[in-house]
Structure formats: structure tokens, C-alpha cells
Amino acid sequence: MIHLKVAKGLKRQLASLTGPIFIETLLIMTLGAVDTVMLSRHSDASVAAVGVVNQIVMLCFLVFEVINLGTSVLVSQYLGARLNDRVSKVVGVSLLVNLLIGLAISAMLYFGAVVILRLMGLNDLLLGEGVGYMRIVGALAFFQALSLTASAALRASNRAIYPMVVVGIVNILNIIGNYILIFGRFGAPALGAEGAAISTATSRGVAMVILNIILFHTVIKRFPWEIFRRFPMRELHNLLKIGLPSAGEQFSYSSAQIVMTFFINMLGLEVLAARTYVVNIVMFGYLFCIAISQGGAITIGHLVGKGKIHGAFILGKYVMRMALVITVTLSLAIAITGREILSLLTDNTEIISIGATLLWLDLLVEIGRPINIFATNALRATGDVNYPFYVGLVVMWSLQVVGGYLTGIYFGLGIYALWLMIAADEITRGVIFTRRWWSMKWAGKSFVTE
């Protein structure tokens, strides 16, 4: 029986998942940050344009998460209940559906690049940089669809080390490609933002191939072709039942961030560039939180599949506490050294000044963010998928978007007021999610019994 202290076996399982996920997430963040750092040597305009494009691309990638989030939950619960045949069907359906969605997203991003970026308010200076980057990355978005599906299945089956290694390889390839194509080394043309796009897209293609080879040698031995004869509608239904509200919560969050970027774009190039730098920097503060929350969610999913609800509750409290303490500590260290970090990225004194202040204000954001990252992952793993979506939709758009517009734009208080409203949103949702976990109203929502 699990008492107040988390069982040693669960801690070991959590650590075995958190370590590789931490390194993988660090490398993924580095992959995005590398483009920002290397483009900062090209121009601040490139950084600002690519920052806007990446927000749009990441928003589109959330469509893939409709299936992937369901994949992670179902695979972890089915493995806990030893339902291996259903694992194979879930993975097969996930790959097929995300391939079709990925091809549709790729076409939309390529052909709609100009229209989308004009709607985001990019001026002619930024539009040229952004369109080239978006068309290249967007056309090959389906690479990411299949990579994310394979990674979700591997992590949920306690094989998180494989995505970690693959992302490490991809990072090395991306850095080399960026160096050659952004600056025109070894006889290649200096392509700037387009060079970064080619390097990023190629690296994602390599990751897709390697991850799916590993997937078919570990989790499932072959693609379940029988799904074309008798399509497993129950598994697709469960994938959508989990994925739609779960991805909806993430889509709502990313949409809110895009709206906020639109507001920030009204405040000038320096403010937009400072925001782009700060967003890339603060991600490293909550990196551990993402890793332990995902590892905790997989472990909680296994426990729920085995019917060990109290164990899941105790483990969740432990993960929440660790995520909060370490995130706030790391974010404080980043704020203290913020001006020095920004000085390495740009020599524009106005951008440095704005960014350094935002890093201190971001400490308030990090009080709520780790709880929200944990809770959305953990509640989803238990099957309580609707609650995070409804809370995010109401609180986020009320405080962050409407409140941000009123204070930052309408009343003219600027970027700092916008950031404080982001903090108000994160802290409010953090309080609500903490109460939800302690209430244990998420118990009894497992998909294993269906």
C-alpha cells in the first residue's frame, strides 16, 4: 500500500522516464533556440519574422496532438492493463490518421503563407523573411506529424530514451545545416531565414524515419494492416474522446499566444523582438517541469490502468511539488542573469532593456505555469480530459486575452501590462487545477474498462 511517501519503485520509474524526456525536451527547445540565436547574427528582423511563423506552425502542429495525446493515454493505460492487441491497433490508427492530417496541414501552410502572415500584421520588411521560412517548413509539416506519433507511443511504453537520442542527432544536423545555409559556408548560398527553414525541415525528416523504424522494432512488430479490413472505430473514438478536448486546451493556449503576439506587434519591432528572445529564454526555466509532468502522467496512466487510484493521487502531489519548486528556482536564476543572456543575442539596448524587465515579471508567470503543465498532463492521463479544456478556455481568454488587450493596448500600458495579465491567468488556473487534483473527481474515468 502506498502511504504519504511515494513508493521507491514509482520514484525509480518516474526518474527513468523524466531523465530522457528532460534531455529530449531540452534538445527540442535547443533546436528552436538555435534558429533564433543563429538568425540573431543575421538580423533582428529575421528573428521577429521567424518567431511569428513558428507560433503559427506550432499551432498547426497541435492538430496532430489530437491523435497523439490520445495515443499516449491509451497506450499507457492499455499497457498497464496488459491489453497488447489494443496497443497495436491504437498505434496503427494514430499513424494513419496523422499522416492524412499532416498532408492537409502541409498544403495549407505552403499555399496560405502570404495570407496568414498578412493577417498577423507583418509589414513588408518582415513578410519577405517570414513567407520563405513558412513555405519550406510548412510544406514538410507531415514529417512532424509522424515523428510526434512515434515519440508518443515510445514514451508511453517506457522507451523514452529513443526519442531523446533521435532528437540529439537531429540537433546536430540542424546546427550544421544552419551554419552552412544561413551564412553561406562551404560554397553554399547565404539564405538567411530560408536556410534555417531548409535545415529544420530536413532534420525533422530524418527524425521521422528513425523514430518510426524504432517504433516498429519495439512497441509493435508490424503495421496492423487488418485495420483496413475492419477499422477499429472504438479506438478512433477513444483517441478523439481524449484528443479533442486535450488538444483543444493546447490549441486554446496557443491561439491566445498568437493573439497576444498580434497585440505585441502593435507595439513595435523592438518589443516584438524582445518578446521573441524572452519566450525562447524562459522555456529553459520550465523545462524540468515539462519533463517530470510528462513522465508523471505516463506513470499515473499505468497506475490508473492497474486500478491503483490512490497511488496515482500520491504520485501526482509529489510531481506537482517538484515541478513548482524547481521551475521557480531556475526562473529566478534566469531573471538574475537576464541582461547578460540578452546581450549575447542582440546589441540593441532597447531590446535588452525590455527583455530584462520581462524576465523579472515572468517570475510571476512561473508560479502558476508548472502547476498547469502538471495538471493538464495528469488529468488527461486519468481520463479527466474535459475539465482542463473548459478551465483553460474561460480563464485564459478572459484574463490573458481580454484583460491583456484592455490593459496593454486599450489603456496604453504596453508590454509589461500584457505580461502581468499572462501571470494572472497562469496563477488563477493553477489554483483551480490544484483544487481539482485534491478533490479526486478525476477517479473512475479510465478507458480500460470500456
Protein backbone atom coordinates (compact mmCIF):
# COMPACT_ATOMS: atom_id res chain seq x y z
CA MET A 1 0.00 0.00 0.00
CA ILE A 2 1.22 3.50 -0.83
CA HIS A 3 1.18 5.92 2.10
CA LEU A 4 2.16 9.59 2.26
CA LYS A 5 5.63 8.84 0.96
CA VAL A 6 5.88 7.93 -2.72
CA ALA A 7 6.95 4.30 -3.12
CA LYS A 8 10.57 3.83 -4.17
CA GLY A 9 9.54 1.76 -7.17
CA LEU A 10 7.36 4.56 -8.50
CA LYS A 11 10.12 7.09 -7.95
CA ARG A 12 12.52 4.92 -9.95
CA GLN A 13 10.00 4.55 -12.77
CA LEU A 14 9.35 8.29 -12.72
CA ALA A 15 13.09 9.03 -12.83
CA SER A 16 13.63 6.57 -15.71
CA LEU A 17 11.03 8.48 -17.73
CA THR A 18 11.80 12.02 -16.58
CA GLY A 19 15.54 11.86 -17.37
CA PRO A 20 15.24 11.01 -21.07
CA ILE A 21 12.17 13.26 -21.52
CA PHE A 22 14.09 16.12 -19.87
CA ILE A 23 17.03 15.70 -22.24
CA GLU A 24 14.73 15.25 -25.24
CA THR A 25 12.73 18.39 -24.35
CA LEU A 26 15.95 20.32 -23.76
CA LEU A 27 17.18 19.29 -27.19
CA ILE A 28 13.84 20.18 -28.82
CA MET A 29 13.94 23.62 -27.18
CA THR A 30 17.55 23.97 -28.25
CA LEU A 31 16.50 23.10 -31.81
CA GLY A 32 14.16 26.11 -31.80
CA ALA A 33 16.59 28.32 -29.90
CA VAL A 34 19.41 27.51 -32.34
CA ASP A 35 17.42 29.07 -35.18
CA THR A 36 16.81 32.17 -33.03
CA VAL A 37 20.45 32.50 -31.89
CA MET A 38 21.95 31.92 -35.33
CA LEU A 39 19.42 34.18 -37.05
CA SER A 40 20.18 36.90 -34.48
CA ARG A 41 23.61 37.10 -36.14
CA HIS A 42 21.81 37.67 -39.43
CA SER A 43 19.26 40.34 -38.32
CA ASP A 44 16.70 41.16 -35.61
CA ALA A 45 14.07 41.35 -38.38
CA SER A 46 14.69 37.68 -39.21
CA VAL A 47 14.28 36.75 -35.55
CA ALA A 48 10.98 38.62 -35.27
CA ALA A 49 9.58 37.16 -38.51
CA VAL A 50 10.59 33.58 -37.73
CA GLY A 51 9.22 33.98 -34.19
CA VAL A 52 5.77 34.80 -35.60
CA VAL A 53 5.92 31.98 -38.17
CA ASN A 54 6.93 29.41 -35.56
CA GLN A 55 3.93 30.32 -33.43
CA ILE A 56 1.63 29.65 -36.38
CA VAL A 57 3.43 26.41 -37.29
CA MET A 58 3.33 25.18 -33.68
CA LEU A 59 -0.38 26.00 -33.55
CA CYS A 60 -0.91 23.82 -36.61
CA PHE A 61 1.20 21.05 -35.08
CA LEU A 62 -1.32 20.97 -32.23
CA VAL A 63 -3.78 19.46 -34.70
CA PHE A 64 -1.52 16.38 -34.70
CA GLU A 65 -1.78 16.33 -30.93
CA VAL A 66 -5.50 15.50 -31.17
CA ILE A 67 -4.35 11.98 -32.04
CA ASN A 68 -1.00 11.91 -30.22
CA LEU A 69 -2.39 12.89 -26.82
CA GLY A 70 -4.94 10.12 -27.12
CA THR A 71 -2.20 7.72 -28.22
CA SER A 72 -0.12 8.45 -25.13
CA VAL A 73 -3.02 7.97 -22.71
CA LEU A 74 -4.41 4.82 -24.32
CA VAL A 75 -1.03 3.12 -24.77
CA SER A 76 -0.06 3.79 -21.14
CA GLN A 77 -3.42 2.55 -19.78
CA TYR A 78 -3.57 -0.48 -22.10
CA LEU A 79 -0.01 -1.50 -21.20
CA GLY A 80 -0.87 -1.16 -17.51
CA ALA A 81 -3.85 -3.48 -18.11
CA ARG A 82 -1.77 -5.80 -20.40
CA LEU A 83 -4.03 -5.25 -23.44
CA ASN A 84 -1.24 -5.55 -26.05
CA ASP A 85 -3.52 -6.19 -29.04
CA ARG A 86 -5.27 -2.88 -28.46
CA VAL A 87 -1.89 -1.13 -28.25
CA SER A 88 -1.06 -2.26 -31.80
CA LYS A 89 -4.41 -1.06 -33.16
CA VAL A 90 -4.12 2.33 -31.45
CA VAL A 91 -0.65 2.97 -32.86
CA GLY A 92 -1.72 1.93 -36.37
CA VAL A 93 -4.79 4.16 -36.36
CA SER A 94 -2.74 7.06 -34.99
CA LEU A 95 -0.11 6.85 -37.73
CA LEU A 96 -2.70 6.61 -40.49
CA VAL A 97 -4.88 9.48 -39.30
CA ASN A 98 -1.94 11.81 -38.57
CA LEU A 99 -0.42 11.15 -41.99
CA LEU A 100 -3.63 12.31 -43.67
CA ILE A 101 -3.95 15.33 -41.37
CA GLY A 102 -0.25 16.16 -41.85
CA LEU A 103 -0.55 16.28 -45.64
CA ALA A 104 -3.55 18.62 -45.37
CA ILE A 105 -1.70 20.94 -42.94
CA SER A 106 1.37 20.97 -45.20
CA ALA A 107 -0.71 22.15 -48.17
CA MET A 108 -2.43 24.86 -46.10
CA LEU A 109 0.82 26.30 -44.72
CA TYR A 110 2.53 26.33 -48.10
CA PHE A 111 -0.24 27.87 -50.20
CA GLY A 112 -1.60 30.16 -47.48
CA ALA A 113 1.70 31.62 -46.23
CA VAL A 114 1.24 35.17 -47.55
CA VAL A 115 -2.40 35.49 -46.48
CA ILE A 116 -1.76 34.11 -42.98
CA LEU A 117 1.25 36.34 -42.29
CA ARG A 118 -0.54 39.44 -43.56
CA LEU A 119 -3.40 38.64 -41.19
CA MET A 120 -0.80 38.54 -38.40
CA GLY A 121 0.10 42.14 -39.26
CA LEU A 122 3.64 41.60 -40.57
CA ASN A 123 4.94 44.58 -42.51
CA ASP A 124 6.73 44.29 -45.86
CA LEU A 125 10.16 44.08 -44.17
CA LEU A 126 9.16 41.06 -42.10
CA LEU A 127 6.85 39.48 -44.68
CA GLY A 128 9.63 38.58 -47.11
CA GLU A 129 11.60 36.82 -44.38
CA GLY A 130 8.56 35.07 -42.98
CA VAL A 131 6.96 33.74 -46.18
CA GLY A 132 10.07 31.89 -47.37
CA TYR A 133 10.56 30.27 -43.97
CA MET A 134 6.90 29.31 -43.63
CA ARG A 135 6.58 27.74 -47.07
CA ILE A 136 9.57 25.46 -46.57
CA VAL A 137 8.77 24.38 -43.00
CA GLY A 138 5.05 24.18 -43.77
CA ALA A 139 5.35 22.04 -46.90
CA LEU A 140 7.06 19.32 -44.89
CA ALA A 141 4.91 19.57 -41.75
CA PHE A 142 3.73 15.98 -42.24
CA PHE A 143 7.24 14.85 -41.18
CA GLN A 144 6.49 16.22 -37.74
CA ALA A 145 3.07 14.53 -37.66
CA LEU A 146 4.58 11.06 -37.98
CA SER A 147 7.53 11.87 -35.68
CA LEU A 148 5.25 13.06 -32.88
CA THR A 149 3.07 9.95 -33.17
CA ALA A 150 6.05 7.61 -32.92
CA SER A 151 7.50 9.57 -29.98
CA ALA A 152 4.19 9.48 -28.10
CA ALA A 153 3.94 5.69 -28.44
CA LEU A 154 7.58 5.14 -27.45
CA ARG A 155 7.36 7.32 -24.34
CA ALA A 156 4.07 5.77 -23.20
CA SER A 157 5.65 2.32 -23.45
CA ASN A 158 8.57 3.32 -21.17
CA ARG A 159 11.00 3.74 -24.08
CA ALA A 160 11.60 7.48 -23.69
CA ILE A 161 15.33 7.08 -24.29
CA TYR A 162 14.83 6.51 -28.04
CA PRO A 163 13.16 9.87 -28.83
CA MET A 164 15.86 11.51 -26.70
CA VAL A 165 18.69 10.03 -28.78
CA VAL A 166 16.97 10.83 -32.07
CA VAL A 167 16.40 14.48 -31.10
CA GLY A 168 20.08 14.70 -30.17
CA ILE A 169 21.06 13.53 -33.67
CA VAL A 170 18.58 15.96 -35.22
CA ASN A 171 20.01 18.86 -33.21
CA ILE A 172 23.50 18.22 -34.51
CA LEU A 173 22.23 18.05 -38.08
CA ASN A 174 20.23 21.27 -37.64
CA ILE A 175 23.18 23.22 -36.22
CA ILE A 176 25.41 22.12 -39.09
CA GLY A 177 22.70 22.88 -41.65
CA ASN A 178 22.00 26.30 -40.15
CA TYR A 179 25.67 27.24 -40.18
CA ILE A 180 26.03 26.28 -43.83
CA LEU A 181 22.75 27.66 -45.19
CA ILE A 182 22.11 30.80 -43.09
CA PHE A 183 25.61 32.24 -43.55
CA GLY A 184 26.62 30.59 -46.86
CA ARG A 185 29.54 28.43 -45.76
CA PHE A 186 31.40 25.80 -47.83
CA GLY A 187 30.24 27.30 -51.11
CA ALA A 188 26.52 27.27 -50.26
CA PRO A 189 24.41 30.43 -50.81
CA ALA A 190 23.65 32.63 -47.76
CA LEU A 191 19.89 32.10 -47.47
CA GLY A 192 19.16 33.64 -44.06
CA ALA A 193 15.74 32.62 -42.73
CA GLU A 194 15.11 30.29 -45.70
CA GLY A 195 18.36 28.48 -44.92
CA ALA A 196 17.21 27.91 -41.34
CA ALA A 197 13.91 26.54 -42.71
CA ILE A 198 15.63 24.06 -45.04
CA SER A 199 17.85 22.83 -42.23
CA THR A 200 14.96 22.47 -39.76
CA ALA A 201 12.68 20.65 -42.22
CA THR A 202 15.42 18.25 -43.31
CA SER A 203 16.27 17.44 -39.71
CA ARG A 204 12.62 16.67 -38.97
CA GLY A 205 12.53 14.31 -41.95
CA VAL A 206 15.49 12.36 -40.61
CA ALA A 207 13.82 12.15 -37.18
CA MET A 208 10.60 10.83 -38.73
CA VAL A 209 12.41 7.96 -40.46
CA ILE A 210 14.49 6.90 -37.47
CA LEU A 211 11.67 7.11 -34.90
CA ASN A 212 9.30 5.01 -36.98
CA ILE A 213 11.96 2.36 -37.61
CA ILE A 214 12.46 2.11 -33.83
CA LEU A 215 8.70 2.07 -33.22
CA PHE A 216 8.24 -0.99 -35.45
CA HIS A 217 11.11 -2.82 -33.77
CA THR A 218 9.97 -2.24 -30.18
CA VAL A 219 6.36 -1.25 -29.46
CA ILE A 220 4.69 -3.06 -32.36
CA LYS A 221 6.37 -5.55 -34.66
CA ARG A 222 4.42 -4.63 -37.80
CA PHE A 223 1.80 -2.19 -39.02
CA PRO A 224 -1.68 -3.64 -38.26
CA TRP A 225 -2.92 -3.82 -41.86
CA GLU A 226 -6.10 -5.53 -40.65
CA ILE A 227 -7.45 -2.12 -39.64
CA PHE A 228 -8.20 -1.52 -43.35
CA ARG A 229 -10.45 -4.60 -43.41
CA ARG A 230 -12.24 -3.89 -40.15
CA PHE A 231 -11.46 -0.42 -38.94
CA PRO A 232 -11.28 -0.24 -35.10
CA MET A 233 -13.81 2.54 -34.59
CA ARG A 234 -13.71 2.06 -30.81
CA GLU A 235 -10.03 3.02 -30.73
CA LEU A 236 -10.57 6.01 -33.03
CA HIS A 237 -13.49 7.08 -30.83
CA ASN A 238 -11.31 6.87 -27.70
CA LEU A 239 -8.45 8.72 -29.43
CA LEU A 240 -10.80 11.56 -30.35
CA LYS A 241 -12.55 11.48 -26.97
CA ILE A 242 -9.19 12.13 -25.30
CA GLY A 243 -7.53 14.11 -28.05
CA LEU A 244 -10.17 16.67 -29.00
CA PRO A 245 -10.57 18.31 -25.57
CA SER A 246 -6.87 17.78 -24.73
CA ALA A 247 -5.63 19.31 -27.97
CA GLY A 248 -8.42 21.87 -27.66
CA GLU A 249 -6.88 23.08 -24.41
CA GLN A 250 -3.46 23.37 -26.06
CA PHE A 251 -4.99 24.94 -29.18
CA SER A 252 -6.77 27.48 -26.99
CA TYR A 253 -3.48 28.29 -25.23
CA SER A 254 -1.51 28.65 -28.47
CA SER A 255 -4.29 30.68 -30.10
CA ALA A 256 -4.24 33.02 -27.13
CA GLN A 257 -0.47 33.37 -27.54
CA ILE A 258 -0.90 34.24 -31.22
CA VAL A 259 -3.50 36.88 -30.36
CA MET A 260 -1.10 38.26 -27.75
CA THR A 261 1.66 38.33 -30.39
CA PHE A 262 -0.71 40.29 -32.64
CA PHE A 263 -1.18 42.81 -29.80
CA ILE A 264 2.57 42.97 -29.17
CA ASN A 265 3.20 43.54 -32.89
CA MET A 266 1.24 46.81 -32.47
CA LEU A 267 3.89 48.00 -30.01
CA GLY A 268 6.80 47.97 -32.49
CA LEU A 269 9.65 45.83 -33.82
CA GLU A 270 11.82 46.17 -30.70
CA VAL A 271 9.04 44.98 -28.40
CA LEU A 272 8.22 42.06 -30.73
CA ALA A 273 11.88 41.04 -30.97
CA ALA A 274 12.29 41.31 -27.17
CA ARG A 275 9.24 39.10 -26.68
CA THR A 276 10.67 36.50 -29.11
CA TYR A 277 14.00 36.39 -27.26
CA VAL A 278 12.31 36.18 -23.84
CA VAL A 279 9.96 33.37 -24.86
CA ASN A 280 12.93 31.31 -26.05
CA ILE A 281 14.89 32.02 -22.87
CA VAL A 282 12.17 31.34 -20.27
CA MET A 283 11.39 27.94 -21.81
CA PHE A 284 14.57 26.66 -20.20
CA GLY A 285 13.17 27.66 -16.80
CA TYR A 286 10.19 25.33 -17.04
CA LEU A 287 11.99 22.58 -18.96
CA PHE A 288 12.23 20.25 -15.96
CA CYS A 289 8.56 20.86 -15.24
CA ILE A 290 7.60 19.63 -18.71
CA ALA A 291 9.75 16.53 -18.34
CA ILE A 292 8.59 15.45 -14.88
CA SER A 293 4.96 16.25 -15.75
CA GLN A 294 5.07 14.06 -18.85
CA GLY A 295 6.91 11.29 -17.02
CA GLY A 296 4.47 11.59 -14.13
CA ALA A 297 1.48 11.44 -16.49
CA ILE A 298 2.72 8.22 -18.11
CA THR A 299 3.30 6.64 -14.69
CA ILE A 300 -0.12 7.84 -13.50
CA GLY A 301 -1.66 6.33 -16.64
CA HIS A 302 -0.06 2.97 -15.84
CA LEU A 303 -1.36 3.16 -12.26
CA VAL A 304 -4.87 4.05 -13.40
CA GLY A 305 -4.78 1.13 -15.87
CA LYS A 306 -3.93 -1.16 -12.94
CA GLY A 307 -6.70 0.36 -10.81
CA LYS A 308 -4.29 1.93 -8.27
CA ILE A 309 -6.06 5.29 -7.91
CA HIS A 310 -4.62 6.28 -4.52
CA GLY A 311 -1.10 5.63 -5.81
CA ALA A 312 -1.80 7.93 -8.75
CA PHE A 313 -3.03 10.66 -6.37
CA ILE A 314 0.05 10.50 -4.13
CA LEU A 315 2.42 10.43 -7.10
CA GLY A 316 0.64 13.45 -8.57
CA LYS A 317 1.17 15.51 -5.41
CA TYR A 318 4.88 14.65 -5.45
CA VAL A 319 5.28 15.61 -9.12
CA MET A 320 3.40 18.90 -8.65
CA ARG A 321 5.60 19.92 -5.73
CA MET A 322 8.85 19.08 -7.53
CA ALA A 323 7.75 20.89 -10.71
CA LEU A 324 6.85 24.08 -8.85
CA VAL A 325 9.98 24.34 -6.68
CA ILE A 326 12.49 23.64 -9.44
CA THR A 327 10.77 25.86 -12.04
CA VAL A 328 10.66 28.90 -9.74
CA THR A 329 14.31 28.36 -8.74
CA LEU A 330 15.53 28.13 -12.34
CA SER A 331 13.41 31.10 -13.43
CA LEU A 332 14.91 33.24 -10.66
CA ALA A 333 18.41 32.35 -11.88
CA ILE A 334 17.42 33.31 -15.43
CA ALA A 335 15.98 36.66 -14.29
CA ILE A 336 19.18 37.49 -12.35
CA THR A 337 21.36 36.82 -15.40
CA GLY A 338 18.81 38.04 -17.95
CA ARG A 339 20.58 41.16 -19.14
CA GLU A 340 23.78 39.22 -19.77
CA ILE A 341 21.92 36.49 -21.67
CA LEU A 342 20.13 39.02 -23.87
CA SER A 343 23.40 40.84 -24.56
CA LEU A 344 24.70 37.64 -26.14
CA LEU A 345 21.75 37.62 -28.55
CA THR A 346 21.48 41.28 -29.61
CA ASP A 347 23.32 44.58 -29.23
CA ASN A 348 20.10 46.63 -29.40
CA THR A 349 19.96 48.33 -25.97
CA GLU A 350 16.20 48.92 -26.13
CA ILE A 351 15.51 45.22 -26.80
CA ILE A 352 17.86 44.24 -23.96
CA SER A 353 16.18 46.64 -21.52
CA ILE A 354 12.64 45.48 -22.38
CA GLY A 355 13.64 41.81 -22.31
CA ALA A 356 15.44 42.05 -18.95
CA THR A 357 12.35 43.57 -17.31
CA LEU A 358 10.09 40.91 -18.83
CA LEU A 359 12.30 38.17 -17.37
CA TRP A 360 11.68 39.53 -13.86
CA LEU A 361 7.94 39.83 -14.48
CA ASP A 362 7.96 36.27 -15.79
CA LEU A 363 8.72 35.02 -12.26
CA LEU A 364 5.04 35.62 -11.50
CA VAL A 365 4.07 33.54 -14.55
CA GLU A 366 6.20 30.64 -13.31
CA ILE A 367 4.28 30.42 -10.04
CA GLY A 368 1.25 29.13 -11.93
CA ARG A 369 2.69 27.60 -15.11
CA PRO A 370 4.28 24.43 -13.58
CA ILE A 371 1.03 23.52 -11.81
CA ASN A 372 -0.91 23.96 -15.05
CA ILE A 373 1.56 21.89 -17.07
CA PHE A 374 1.41 19.10 -14.47
CA ALA A 375 -2.37 19.19 -14.06
CA THR A 376 -3.26 19.13 -17.75
CA ASN A 377 -0.94 16.13 -18.30
CA ALA A 378 -2.02 14.27 -15.16
CA LEU A 379 -5.78 14.83 -15.53
CA ARG A 380 -5.56 13.74 -19.16
CA ALA A 381 -3.73 10.55 -18.10
CA THR A 382 -6.56 9.65 -15.73
CA GLY A 383 -9.22 10.20 -18.41
CA ASP A 384 -10.43 13.53 -17.00
CA VAL A 385 -9.93 15.26 -20.34
CA ASN A 386 -12.72 17.83 -20.48
CA TYR A 387 -12.03 19.77 -17.28
CA PRO A 388 -8.65 21.31 -18.34
CA PHE A 389 -10.19 22.40 -21.66
CA TYR A 390 -13.13 24.23 -20.09
CA VAL A 391 -10.98 25.91 -17.43
CA GLY A 392 -8.39 27.00 -20.00
CA LEU A 393 -10.98 28.33 -22.41
CA VAL A 394 -12.75 30.51 -19.83
CA VAL A 395 -9.86 31.72 -17.67
CA MET A 396 -7.22 32.11 -20.35
CA TRP A 397 -9.31 34.14 -22.78
CA SER A 398 -10.88 36.24 -20.03
CA LEU A 399 -7.69 37.24 -18.23
CA GLN A 400 -4.87 36.87 -20.73
CA VAL A 401 -6.52 37.95 -23.98
CA VAL A 402 -9.34 40.31 -22.99
CA GLY A 403 -7.53 41.57 -19.89
CA GLY A 404 -4.27 41.89 -21.82
CA TYR A 405 -5.89 43.92 -24.59
CA LEU A 406 -7.64 46.26 -22.18
CA THR A 407 -4.59 46.96 -20.03
CA GLY A 408 -1.80 46.75 -22.59
CA ILE A 409 -3.42 48.19 -25.73
CA TYR A 410 -6.67 50.00 -24.92
CA PHE A 411 -5.33 51.80 -21.84
CA GLY A 412 -1.86 52.05 -23.38
CA LEU A 413 0.12 50.40 -20.55
CA GLY A 414 2.19 48.35 -23.02
CA ILE A 415 4.08 45.08 -22.92
CA TYR A 416 4.55 44.96 -19.13
CA ALA A 417 0.79 45.10 -18.51
CA LEU A 418 0.30 42.34 -21.07
CA TRP A 419 2.84 40.16 -19.24
CA LEU A 420 1.15 40.74 -15.88
CA MET A 421 -2.15 39.55 -17.32
CA ILE A 422 -0.41 36.40 -18.55
CA ALA A 423 0.75 35.88 -14.95
CA ALA A 424 -2.78 36.45 -13.61
CA ASP A 425 -4.11 33.79 -15.99
CA GLU A 426 -1.46 31.19 -15.08
CA ILE A 427 -1.84 31.70 -11.31
CA THR A 428 -5.65 31.56 -11.44
CA ARG A 429 -5.66 28.33 -13.41
CA GLY A 430 -3.00 26.92 -11.08
CA VAL A 431 -5.27 27.42 -8.07
CA ILE A 432 -8.24 25.83 -9.86
CA PHE A 433 -6.24 22.78 -11.00
CA THR A 434 -4.73 22.22 -7.55
CA ARG A 435 -8.24 22.02 -6.09
CA ARG A 436 -9.28 19.60 -8.86
CA TRP A 437 -6.43 17.18 -8.14
CA TRP A 438 -7.08 17.21 -4.39
CA SER A 439 -10.80 16.62 -4.94
CA MET A 440 -10.07 13.31 -6.77
CA LYS A 441 -13.10 13.88 -9.02
CA TRP A 442 -10.92 12.53 -11.84
CA ALA A 443 -11.07 8.98 -10.41
CA GLY A 444 -13.20 6.46 -12.29
CA LYS A 445 -12.68 7.94 -15.78
CA SER A 446 -10.31 5.24 -17.10
CA PHE A 447 -10.65 3.95 -20.68
CA VAL A 448 -9.52 0.41 -19.81
CA THR A 449 -12.99 -0.69 -18.71
CA GLU A 450 -14.67 0.42 -21.95
